[in-house]
Amino acid sequence: MKLLDKIITYGLYLFVFLMPWQTRWIYHEGLLNGGVWEYGRFSLYGTEILLVVLLGLSLGQVIRSRYKIFRLVRPADKQNSKLWFFVGLLVIWSALTILWSSDKQLAWYGWLRLAEGVGLVWLITQNVKLTTKNLGLALITAGVVQSLMAVGQWVMQLSLANKWLGLSFLNPSALGTAVVDNGVGRFLRAYGSLPHPNMLAGFLVICLLAAVILIVIESSGRMKRLLLAATAVMSMGLFLTFSRAGWLTLFICLVVYLLAAWLKKSTLKNFWPAVLIIVLVFGFLTYIYGDLVQTRLTSLERLEVKSNQERLAAIDQSQSVIKQHWLGGVGLGQYTLVLAGQQPGLMAWAYQPVHNTGLMAWAELGFVGLLLLILIMAAVFKSRSEFYLLLIAVLVLGVFDHYFISFYFGIMLGWLVIGWASLKA
């Protein structure tokens, strides 16, 4: 049993480390109006297989321990009873939305993704061997690897394809590639191994905040120095994504932490070195690439204007969908399909989710689903974990993007944070 405990625990750390890698088997190609439809694809990810194996081992362990089904959550976790109550309701409600979904196969696929996320929370909260420190170190190590990839992509201004690692070929001259265009040239934004720079930015923001928290609570001087070095590398990676949402979220979360510490009259002695490193890295890179930063912040160049216009148009589209399905939603994974019904004949890539997780949740799960998600967040905050800052980051990032509900990686990252922020350090 002790060996099985170790396999599950270290397997979970491995899952967190490998999570950004997008190796997958596309077993059903999504097609819409004759084009590839990403949101209609059915995929099996490498990390998904690992997660299912870990869930199977954990459930087997529960059965061997002769736990009854209603004791799948450890009795010691009474503080999380409300969390599990609302999570259970969300799982049931999401299953009910399949009844009125247009594409029931796609809706079931979306529901299974949700169930896997809930399973990840269960793995984190029921594992007595897991420590928040080691979980953080696994995530931070992944963040450092992704940041080094980001630096390499920026220096070479391309990314080579590798199907086994889930990497696509990226070239700033190709249409559809995320770039910064300052009128003089097109510069590739860093992707890491993820589908978009904004997703890499969101991941690195969470990694950086985890590093800051561990620096504050860590007692070992050697470990603090390693974490500070990791903070410098990840700050560089975050900068090179040129993600305004990522930059803003990091700033907001650091200010929130500062205000919370001031109200609690907590010491900030270990907080300032981490902040200083982030400021120095961003300041130095801004000095070098000031014109590109200005392009992103002022949003006056053609691509920036076009991006903002598309986001505003997507919000209008989402309001139309919500107005018609405000209570029950259209069902998980159905949003872009509904858009295709409202505006037939467009290219498949033209049907995009609205860049707001809250609006996406309301559109697909209805007001009931949105309310349950809010109650889940409230229950997590009540646990008073040291890692509450990670959940704030997810909430702020969700204002600007949809990947926490529309991409496998985002779904897993969101539920990882919910489970993590439910634990005490």
Protein backbone atom coordinates (compact mmCIF):
# COMPACT_ATOMS: atom_id res chain seq x y z
CA MET A 1 0.00 0.00 0.00
CA LYS A 2 2.86 2.36 0.76
CA LEU A 3 4.31 1.70 -2.72
CA LEU A 4 0.92 2.43 -4.30
CA ASP A 5 0.71 5.69 -2.31
CA LYS A 6 4.08 6.75 -3.69
CA ILE A 7 3.12 5.82 -7.27
CA ILE A 8 -0.07 7.88 -7.06
CA THR A 9 1.61 10.85 -5.37
CA TYR A 10 4.60 11.07 -7.69
CA GLY A 11 2.37 10.27 -10.64
CA LEU A 12 0.35 13.35 -9.74
CA TYR A 13 3.51 15.46 -9.60
CA LEU A 14 4.46 14.06 -13.03
CA PHE A 15 1.01 14.96 -14.39
CA VAL A 16 1.43 18.56 -13.22
CA PHE A 17 4.89 18.76 -14.79
CA LEU A 18 3.73 17.31 -18.14
CA MET A 19 0.43 19.19 -18.29
CA PRO A 20 1.59 21.90 -20.77
CA TRP A 21 2.64 19.31 -23.38
CA GLN A 22 -0.07 18.85 -25.99
CA THR A 23 0.73 15.36 -27.27
CA ARG A 24 -2.60 13.94 -28.40
CA TRP A 25 -4.34 11.44 -30.64
CA ILE A 26 -7.13 13.05 -32.66
CA TYR A 27 -9.52 10.11 -33.06
CA HIS A 28 -12.38 12.16 -34.54
CA GLU A 29 -11.72 15.14 -36.78
CA GLY A 30 -14.06 18.08 -36.31
CA LEU A 31 -15.34 19.47 -39.60
CA LEU A 32 -17.60 22.46 -40.10
CA ASN A 33 -18.53 23.99 -43.46
CA GLY A 34 -15.79 21.93 -45.07
CA GLY A 35 -13.02 23.19 -42.77
CA VAL A 36 -11.19 21.93 -39.67
CA TRP A 37 -13.18 22.77 -36.55
CA GLU A 38 -10.93 22.66 -33.49
CA TYR A 39 -13.81 22.82 -31.03
CA GLY A 40 -15.41 19.77 -32.65
CA ARG A 41 -12.32 17.57 -32.49
CA PHE A 42 -12.23 14.56 -30.19
CA SER A 43 -8.73 14.02 -28.80
CA LEU A 44 -7.01 11.79 -26.28
CA TYR A 45 -4.06 13.54 -24.61
CA GLY A 46 -1.01 11.79 -23.23
CA THR A 47 -1.48 13.45 -19.84
CA GLU A 48 -5.13 12.39 -19.93
CA ILE A 49 -4.08 8.74 -20.01
CA LEU A 50 -1.85 9.34 -16.99
CA LEU A 51 -4.70 11.05 -15.13
CA VAL A 52 -7.11 8.19 -15.82
CA VAL A 53 -4.53 5.65 -14.60
CA LEU A 54 -4.01 7.64 -11.38
CA LEU A 55 -7.76 7.88 -10.83
CA GLY A 56 -8.11 4.15 -11.37
CA LEU A 57 -5.33 3.37 -8.88
CA SER A 58 -6.83 5.74 -6.31
CA LEU A 59 -10.32 4.30 -6.67
CA GLY A 60 -8.87 0.81 -6.40
CA GLN A 61 -7.12 1.87 -3.22
CA VAL A 62 -10.39 3.20 -1.81
CA ILE A 63 -12.15 -0.08 -2.61
CA ARG A 64 -9.34 -2.14 -1.08
CA SER A 65 -9.56 -0.03 2.06
CA ARG A 66 -13.27 -0.97 2.23
CA TYR A 67 -14.43 2.63 2.10
CA LYS A 68 -18.08 3.13 1.37
CA ILE A 69 -18.94 5.19 -1.67
CA PHE A 70 -20.01 8.19 0.40
CA ARG A 71 -16.57 8.25 2.04
CA LEU A 72 -14.63 8.82 -1.18
CA VAL A 73 -13.74 12.19 0.32
CA ARG A 74 -11.59 11.83 3.44
CA PRO A 75 -13.47 12.54 6.71
CA ALA A 76 -10.66 14.94 7.66
CA ASP A 77 -11.72 17.20 4.80
CA LYS A 78 -14.83 18.54 6.48
CA GLN A 79 -13.71 22.05 5.55
CA ASN A 80 -14.26 21.08 1.91
CA SER A 81 -17.75 19.59 2.37
CA LYS A 82 -19.44 22.62 0.80
CA LEU A 83 -16.98 22.56 -2.06
CA TRP A 84 -17.83 18.94 -2.86
CA PHE A 85 -21.54 19.60 -2.51
CA PHE A 86 -21.44 22.34 -5.16
CA VAL A 87 -19.03 20.38 -7.36
CA GLY A 88 -21.43 17.42 -7.26
CA LEU A 89 -24.33 19.65 -8.26
CA LEU A 90 -22.28 21.09 -11.14
CA VAL A 91 -21.46 17.60 -12.44
CA ILE A 92 -25.14 16.60 -12.28
CA TRP A 93 -26.36 19.84 -13.88
CA SER A 94 -23.77 19.59 -16.68
CA ALA A 95 -25.01 16.07 -17.42
CA LEU A 96 -28.59 17.35 -17.60
CA THR A 97 -27.63 19.97 -20.21
CA ILE A 98 -26.77 17.11 -22.57
CA LEU A 99 -30.53 16.53 -22.93
CA TRP A 100 -31.00 19.79 -24.84
CA SER A 101 -27.61 19.94 -26.58
CA SER A 102 -27.60 19.99 -30.40
CA ASP A 103 -24.64 17.59 -30.71
CA LYS A 104 -25.00 15.09 -27.87
CA GLN A 105 -21.79 13.26 -28.70
CA LEU A 106 -19.86 16.52 -28.40
CA ALA A 107 -21.73 17.36 -25.19
CA TRP A 108 -20.77 14.01 -23.63
CA TYR A 109 -17.16 14.67 -24.64
CA GLY A 110 -17.31 18.05 -22.87
CA TRP A 111 -18.88 16.46 -19.80
CA LEU A 112 -16.10 13.86 -19.59
CA ARG A 113 -13.53 16.70 -19.63
CA LEU A 114 -15.37 18.28 -16.69
CA ALA A 115 -15.46 14.94 -14.87
CA GLU A 116 -11.71 14.53 -15.37
CA GLY A 117 -11.13 17.98 -13.88
CA VAL A 118 -13.24 17.05 -10.85
CA GLY A 119 -11.27 13.80 -10.61
CA LEU A 120 -8.07 15.84 -10.50
CA VAL A 121 -9.43 17.87 -7.57
CA TRP A 122 -10.33 14.64 -5.79
CA LEU A 123 -6.81 13.24 -6.35
CA ILE A 124 -5.29 16.38 -4.85
CA THR A 125 -7.57 16.76 -1.84
CA GLN A 126 -7.74 13.08 -0.79
CA ASN A 127 -4.01 12.34 -1.07
CA VAL A 128 -2.52 12.59 2.43
CA LYS A 129 1.01 12.07 1.07
CA LEU A 130 0.87 15.04 -1.30
CA THR A 131 2.45 18.30 -0.13
CA THR A 132 1.70 21.77 -1.49
CA LYS A 133 5.45 22.44 -1.62
CA ASN A 134 6.20 19.49 -3.92
CA LEU A 135 3.12 20.25 -6.00
CA GLY A 136 4.42 23.80 -6.39
CA LEU A 137 7.91 22.63 -7.30
CA ALA A 138 6.51 20.35 -10.02
CA LEU A 139 4.53 23.25 -11.46
CA ILE A 140 7.45 25.69 -11.22
CA THR A 141 9.81 23.23 -12.90
CA ALA A 142 7.31 22.95 -15.75
CA GLY A 143 7.16 26.75 -15.86
CA VAL A 144 10.95 27.01 -16.15
CA VAL A 145 11.01 24.48 -19.01
CA GLN A 146 8.23 26.36 -20.83
CA SER A 147 10.04 29.67 -20.30
CA LEU A 148 13.28 28.31 -21.75
CA MET A 149 11.29 27.13 -24.76
CA ALA A 150 9.76 30.61 -25.00
CA VAL A 151 13.20 32.22 -25.05
CA GLY A 152 14.33 29.81 -27.76
CA GLN A 153 11.26 30.57 -29.89
CA TRP A 154 11.83 34.30 -29.50
CA VAL A 155 15.52 34.13 -30.40
CA MET A 156 14.94 31.91 -33.46
CA GLN A 157 11.62 33.56 -34.35
CA LEU A 158 10.12 30.18 -35.18
CA SER A 159 9.10 26.92 -33.55
CA LEU A 160 9.77 23.52 -35.11
CA ALA A 161 7.02 20.92 -35.39
CA ASN A 162 7.13 17.61 -33.52
CA LYS A 163 3.99 15.46 -33.49
CA TRP A 164 5.22 13.35 -30.56
CA LEU A 165 5.57 16.46 -28.38
CA GLY A 166 2.40 18.08 -29.70
CA LEU A 167 4.31 20.98 -31.28
CA SER A 168 3.18 22.82 -34.42
CA PHE A 169 5.43 24.66 -36.85
CA LEU A 170 5.24 28.40 -36.11
CA ASN A 171 6.49 31.13 -38.41
CA PRO A 172 5.70 34.83 -37.90
CA SER A 173 5.16 35.29 -41.65
CA ALA A 174 2.31 32.74 -41.68
CA LEU A 175 -1.26 33.99 -41.31
CA GLY A 176 -2.94 32.93 -38.09
CA THR A 177 0.27 32.93 -36.06
CA ALA A 178 0.18 35.17 -32.97
CA VAL A 179 2.64 38.02 -33.57
CA VAL A 180 3.42 41.57 -32.56
CA ASP A 181 3.33 43.75 -35.68
CA ASN A 182 4.83 47.19 -35.04
CA GLY A 183 4.63 48.31 -38.66
CA VAL A 184 8.28 47.47 -39.26
CA GLY A 185 8.09 43.69 -38.89
CA ARG A 186 6.13 40.73 -37.52
CA PHE A 187 7.60 39.25 -34.35
CA LEU A 188 6.57 35.80 -33.11
CA ARG A 189 5.08 35.80 -29.62
CA ALA A 190 6.28 32.91 -27.43
CA TYR A 191 4.00 29.86 -27.38
CA GLY A 192 6.03 27.35 -25.39
CA SER A 193 4.36 23.99 -26.07
CA LEU A 194 0.85 25.44 -25.81
CA PRO A 195 -1.65 26.36 -28.56
CA HIS A 196 -1.49 30.12 -27.96
CA PRO A 197 0.78 32.68 -26.21
CA ASN A 198 -2.09 33.78 -23.95
CA MET A 199 -2.37 30.23 -22.60
CA LEU A 200 1.38 30.15 -21.93
CA ALA A 201 1.07 33.53 -20.20
CA GLY A 202 -1.76 32.28 -17.97
CA PHE A 203 0.23 29.19 -17.04
CA LEU A 204 3.36 31.21 -16.24
CA VAL A 205 1.40 33.71 -14.13
CA ILE A 206 0.18 30.83 -11.95
CA CYS A 207 3.71 29.37 -11.82
CA LEU A 208 5.17 32.75 -10.81
CA LEU A 209 2.58 33.28 -8.07
CA ALA A 210 3.23 29.78 -6.74
CA ALA A 211 6.96 30.59 -6.67
CA VAL A 212 6.35 33.87 -4.81
CA ILE A 213 4.19 32.11 -2.20
CA LEU A 214 6.76 29.35 -1.68
CA ILE A 215 9.54 31.95 -1.37
CA VAL A 216 7.56 33.66 1.39
CA ILE A 217 6.84 30.48 3.39
CA GLU A 218 10.04 28.53 2.63
CA SER A 219 12.62 28.39 5.43
CA SER A 220 15.56 26.91 3.49
CA GLY A 221 17.92 29.57 2.11
CA ARG A 222 19.11 27.28 -0.70
CA MET A 223 15.55 26.59 -1.81
CA LYS A 224 14.75 30.32 -1.74
CA ARG A 225 17.68 31.03 -4.05
CA LEU A 226 16.55 28.33 -6.48
CA LEU A 227 13.02 29.71 -6.45
CA LEU A 228 14.29 33.23 -7.07
CA ALA A 229 16.31 31.99 -10.05
CA ALA A 230 13.22 30.22 -11.37
CA THR A 231 11.25 33.45 -10.89
CA ALA A 232 13.74 35.30 -13.10
CA VAL A 233 13.49 32.70 -15.89
CA MET A 234 9.67 32.55 -15.75
CA SER A 235 9.41 36.35 -15.73
CA MET A 236 11.37 36.37 -18.98
CA GLY A 237 9.06 33.73 -20.46
CA LEU A 238 5.96 35.67 -19.42
CA PHE A 239 7.29 38.88 -20.93
CA LEU A 240 8.01 37.20 -24.28
CA THR A 241 4.39 36.06 -24.63
CA PHE A 242 3.50 39.76 -24.97
CA SER A 243 0.19 38.91 -23.33
CA ARG A 244 -1.47 42.00 -21.91
CA ALA A 245 -3.88 39.85 -19.89
CA GLY A 246 -0.98 37.90 -18.39
CA TRP A 247 0.96 41.03 -17.46
CA LEU A 248 -2.10 42.70 -15.95
CA THR A 249 -3.11 39.60 -13.98
CA LEU A 250 0.34 39.25 -12.43
CA PHE A 251 0.32 42.91 -11.42
CA ILE A 252 -3.18 42.69 -9.89
CA CYS A 253 -2.36 39.51 -7.95
CA LEU A 254 0.87 40.94 -6.51
CA VAL A 255 -1.00 44.07 -5.40
CA VAL A 256 -3.73 41.92 -3.82
CA TYR A 257 -1.11 39.89 -1.95
CA LEU A 258 0.57 43.08 -0.76
CA LEU A 259 -2.71 44.55 0.50
CA ALA A 260 -3.71 41.29 2.19
CA ALA A 261 -0.35 41.06 3.96
CA TRP A 262 -0.65 44.70 5.05
CA LEU A 263 -4.15 44.12 6.48
CA LYS A 264 -2.98 41.00 8.32
CA LYS A 265 0.18 42.84 9.42
CA SER A 266 2.26 39.97 8.01
CA THR A 267 5.95 40.35 7.28
CA LEU A 268 6.89 41.02 3.67
CA LYS A 269 10.61 40.46 4.11
CA ASN A 270 10.70 37.47 1.72
CA PHE A 271 8.12 38.95 -0.67
CA TRP A 272 10.18 41.91 -1.90
CA PRO A 273 13.14 39.98 -3.39
CA ALA A 274 10.75 38.07 -5.68
CA VAL A 275 8.95 41.25 -6.72
CA LEU A 276 12.29 43.00 -7.32
CA ILE A 277 13.42 40.22 -9.67
CA ILE A 278 10.15 40.39 -11.64
CA VAL A 279 10.41 44.19 -11.92
CA LEU A 280 14.07 44.05 -13.00
CA VAL A 281 13.43 41.42 -15.68
CA PHE A 282 10.40 43.26 -17.06
CA GLY A 283 12.20 46.61 -16.87
CA PHE A 284 15.28 45.34 -18.68
CA LEU A 285 13.29 43.65 -21.48
CA THR A 286 11.02 46.68 -21.83
CA TYR A 287 14.12 48.84 -22.30
CA ILE A 288 15.23 46.54 -25.15
CA TYR A 289 11.83 45.93 -26.75
CA GLY A 290 10.08 49.15 -25.82
CA ASP A 291 8.57 49.66 -29.28
CA LEU A 292 6.90 46.23 -29.18
CA VAL A 293 5.57 46.83 -25.67
CA GLN A 294 4.17 50.17 -26.82
CA THR A 295 2.48 48.45 -29.76
CA ARG A 296 0.77 45.97 -27.42
CA LEU A 297 -0.27 48.55 -24.83
CA THR A 298 -1.50 51.31 -27.14
CA SER A 299 -3.34 48.94 -29.55
CA LEU A 300 -3.04 51.37 -32.47
CA GLU A 301 -1.47 49.06 -35.06
CA ARG A 302 -3.67 47.18 -37.55
CA LEU A 303 -3.52 43.73 -35.92
CA GLU A 304 -4.15 45.14 -32.43
CA VAL A 305 -7.18 47.11 -33.65
CA LYS A 306 -8.51 44.05 -35.49
CA SER A 307 -8.07 41.86 -32.40
CA ASN A 308 -9.96 44.30 -30.18
CA GLN A 309 -12.78 44.61 -32.72
CA GLU A 310 -13.11 40.83 -32.95
CA ARG A 311 -13.27 40.52 -29.16
CA LEU A 312 -16.02 43.14 -28.91
CA ALA A 313 -17.97 41.45 -31.71
CA ALA A 314 -17.63 38.10 -29.90
CA ILE A 315 -19.10 39.63 -26.73
CA ASP A 316 -22.13 40.82 -28.72
CA GLN A 317 -22.54 37.32 -30.17
CA SER A 318 -22.37 35.74 -26.72
CA GLN A 319 -25.03 38.09 -25.38
CA SER A 320 -27.31 36.99 -28.21
CA VAL A 321 -26.78 33.32 -27.32
CA ILE A 322 -27.22 33.96 -23.59
CA LYS A 323 -30.42 35.91 -24.17
CA GLN A 324 -31.98 32.91 -25.92
CA HIS A 325 -30.64 30.26 -23.49
CA TRP A 326 -30.07 32.22 -20.29
CA LEU A 327 -31.25 29.60 -17.79
CA GLY A 328 -30.05 26.23 -19.07
CA GLY A 329 -27.41 27.19 -21.62
CA VAL A 330 -26.77 25.46 -24.95
CA GLY A 331 -24.72 22.59 -23.47
CA LEU A 332 -21.02 21.92 -23.04
CA GLY A 333 -19.02 22.29 -26.25
CA GLN A 334 -22.02 23.62 -28.18
CA TYR A 335 -21.24 27.35 -28.31
CA THR A 336 -19.41 27.55 -31.65
CA LEU A 337 -21.94 25.12 -33.14
CA VAL A 338 -24.75 27.49 -32.15
CA LEU A 339 -22.85 30.39 -33.75
CA ALA A 340 -22.62 28.37 -36.97
CA GLY A 341 -26.39 27.98 -36.88
CA GLN A 342 -26.89 31.71 -36.39
CA GLN A 343 -24.35 32.72 -39.06
CA PRO A 344 -24.17 29.87 -41.61
CA GLY A 345 -21.68 29.71 -44.43
CA LEU A 346 -18.57 31.13 -42.74
CA MET A 347 -15.19 29.40 -42.59
CA ALA A 348 -14.85 26.99 -39.65
CA TRP A 349 -12.14 29.10 -37.96
CA ALA A 350 -14.48 32.13 -37.92
CA TYR A 351 -16.62 30.55 -35.19
CA GLN A 352 -14.69 31.32 -32.01
CA PRO A 353 -15.63 31.23 -28.30
CA VAL A 354 -16.08 34.58 -26.59
CA HIS A 355 -12.91 35.66 -24.77
CA ASN A 356 -14.50 35.55 -21.32
CA THR A 357 -14.80 32.39 -19.23
CA GLY A 358 -17.82 33.70 -17.32
CA LEU A 359 -19.78 34.46 -20.48
CA MET A 360 -18.77 31.10 -21.97
CA ALA A 361 -19.94 29.29 -18.82
CA TRP A 362 -23.24 31.20 -18.87
CA ALA A 363 -23.77 30.48 -22.58
CA GLU A 364 -23.02 26.74 -22.30
CA LEU A 365 -24.22 25.90 -18.77
CA GLY A 366 -26.80 28.62 -18.27
CA PHE A 367 -27.31 30.78 -15.23
CA VAL A 368 -27.60 27.67 -13.05
CA GLY A 369 -24.16 26.43 -14.09
CA LEU A 370 -22.62 29.89 -13.71
CA LEU A 371 -24.08 30.21 -10.20
CA LEU A 372 -22.68 26.81 -9.20
CA LEU A 373 -19.22 27.82 -10.44
CA ILE A 374 -19.41 31.01 -8.37
CA LEU A 375 -20.41 28.98 -5.29
CA ILE A 376 -17.47 26.61 -5.89
CA MET A 377 -15.07 29.56 -6.00
CA ALA A 378 -16.58 30.98 -2.81
CA ALA A 379 -16.18 27.62 -1.06
CA VAL A 380 -12.51 27.47 -2.07
CA PHE A 381 -11.86 30.98 -0.74
CA LYS A 382 -13.42 29.97 2.58
CA SER A 383 -10.75 27.31 3.04
CA ARG A 384 -8.29 30.19 3.68
CA SER A 385 -5.41 28.49 1.90
CA GLU A 386 -2.10 30.28 1.40
CA PHE A 387 -2.58 29.62 -2.31
CA TYR A 388 -5.81 31.63 -2.69
CA LEU A 389 -3.81 33.95 -4.97
CA LEU A 390 -3.76 31.29 -7.68
CA LEU A 391 -7.55 31.25 -7.79
CA ILE A 392 -7.64 35.04 -8.06
CA ALA A 393 -5.29 34.70 -11.04
CA VAL A 394 -7.66 32.23 -12.72
CA LEU A 395 -10.60 34.59 -12.15
CA VAL A 396 -8.77 37.60 -13.60
CA LEU A 397 -7.40 35.62 -16.56
CA GLY A 398 -10.90 34.32 -17.18
CA VAL A 399 -12.14 37.85 -17.77
CA PHE A 400 -9.92 38.03 -20.87
CA ASP A 401 -9.99 34.48 -22.25
CA HIS A 402 -12.00 31.28 -22.66
CA TYR A 403 -9.46 28.45 -22.45
CA PHE A 404 -10.49 27.47 -18.90
CA ILE A 405 -13.69 26.06 -20.42
CA SER A 406 -12.85 25.39 -24.08
CA PHE A 407 -9.43 23.64 -24.07
CA TYR A 408 -8.35 20.47 -22.27
CA PHE A 409 -5.24 22.19 -20.88
CA GLY A 410 -7.24 25.14 -19.55
CA ILE A 411 -9.86 22.88 -17.94
CA MET A 412 -7.16 20.87 -16.15
CA LEU A 413 -5.30 24.01 -15.08
CA GLY A 414 -8.45 25.57 -13.66
CA TRP A 415 -9.41 22.49 -11.65
CA LEU A 416 -5.79 22.02 -10.53
CA VAL A 417 -5.91 25.48 -9.00
CA ILE A 418 -9.30 24.78 -7.36
CA GLY A 419 -7.92 21.63 -5.74
CA TRP A 420 -4.63 23.28 -4.77
CA ALA A 421 -6.27 26.37 -3.31
CA SER A 422 -8.39 24.06 -1.11
CA LEU A 423 -5.29 22.80 0.70
CA LYS A 424 -3.32 24.25 3.57
CA ALA A 425 0.43 24.65 3.13
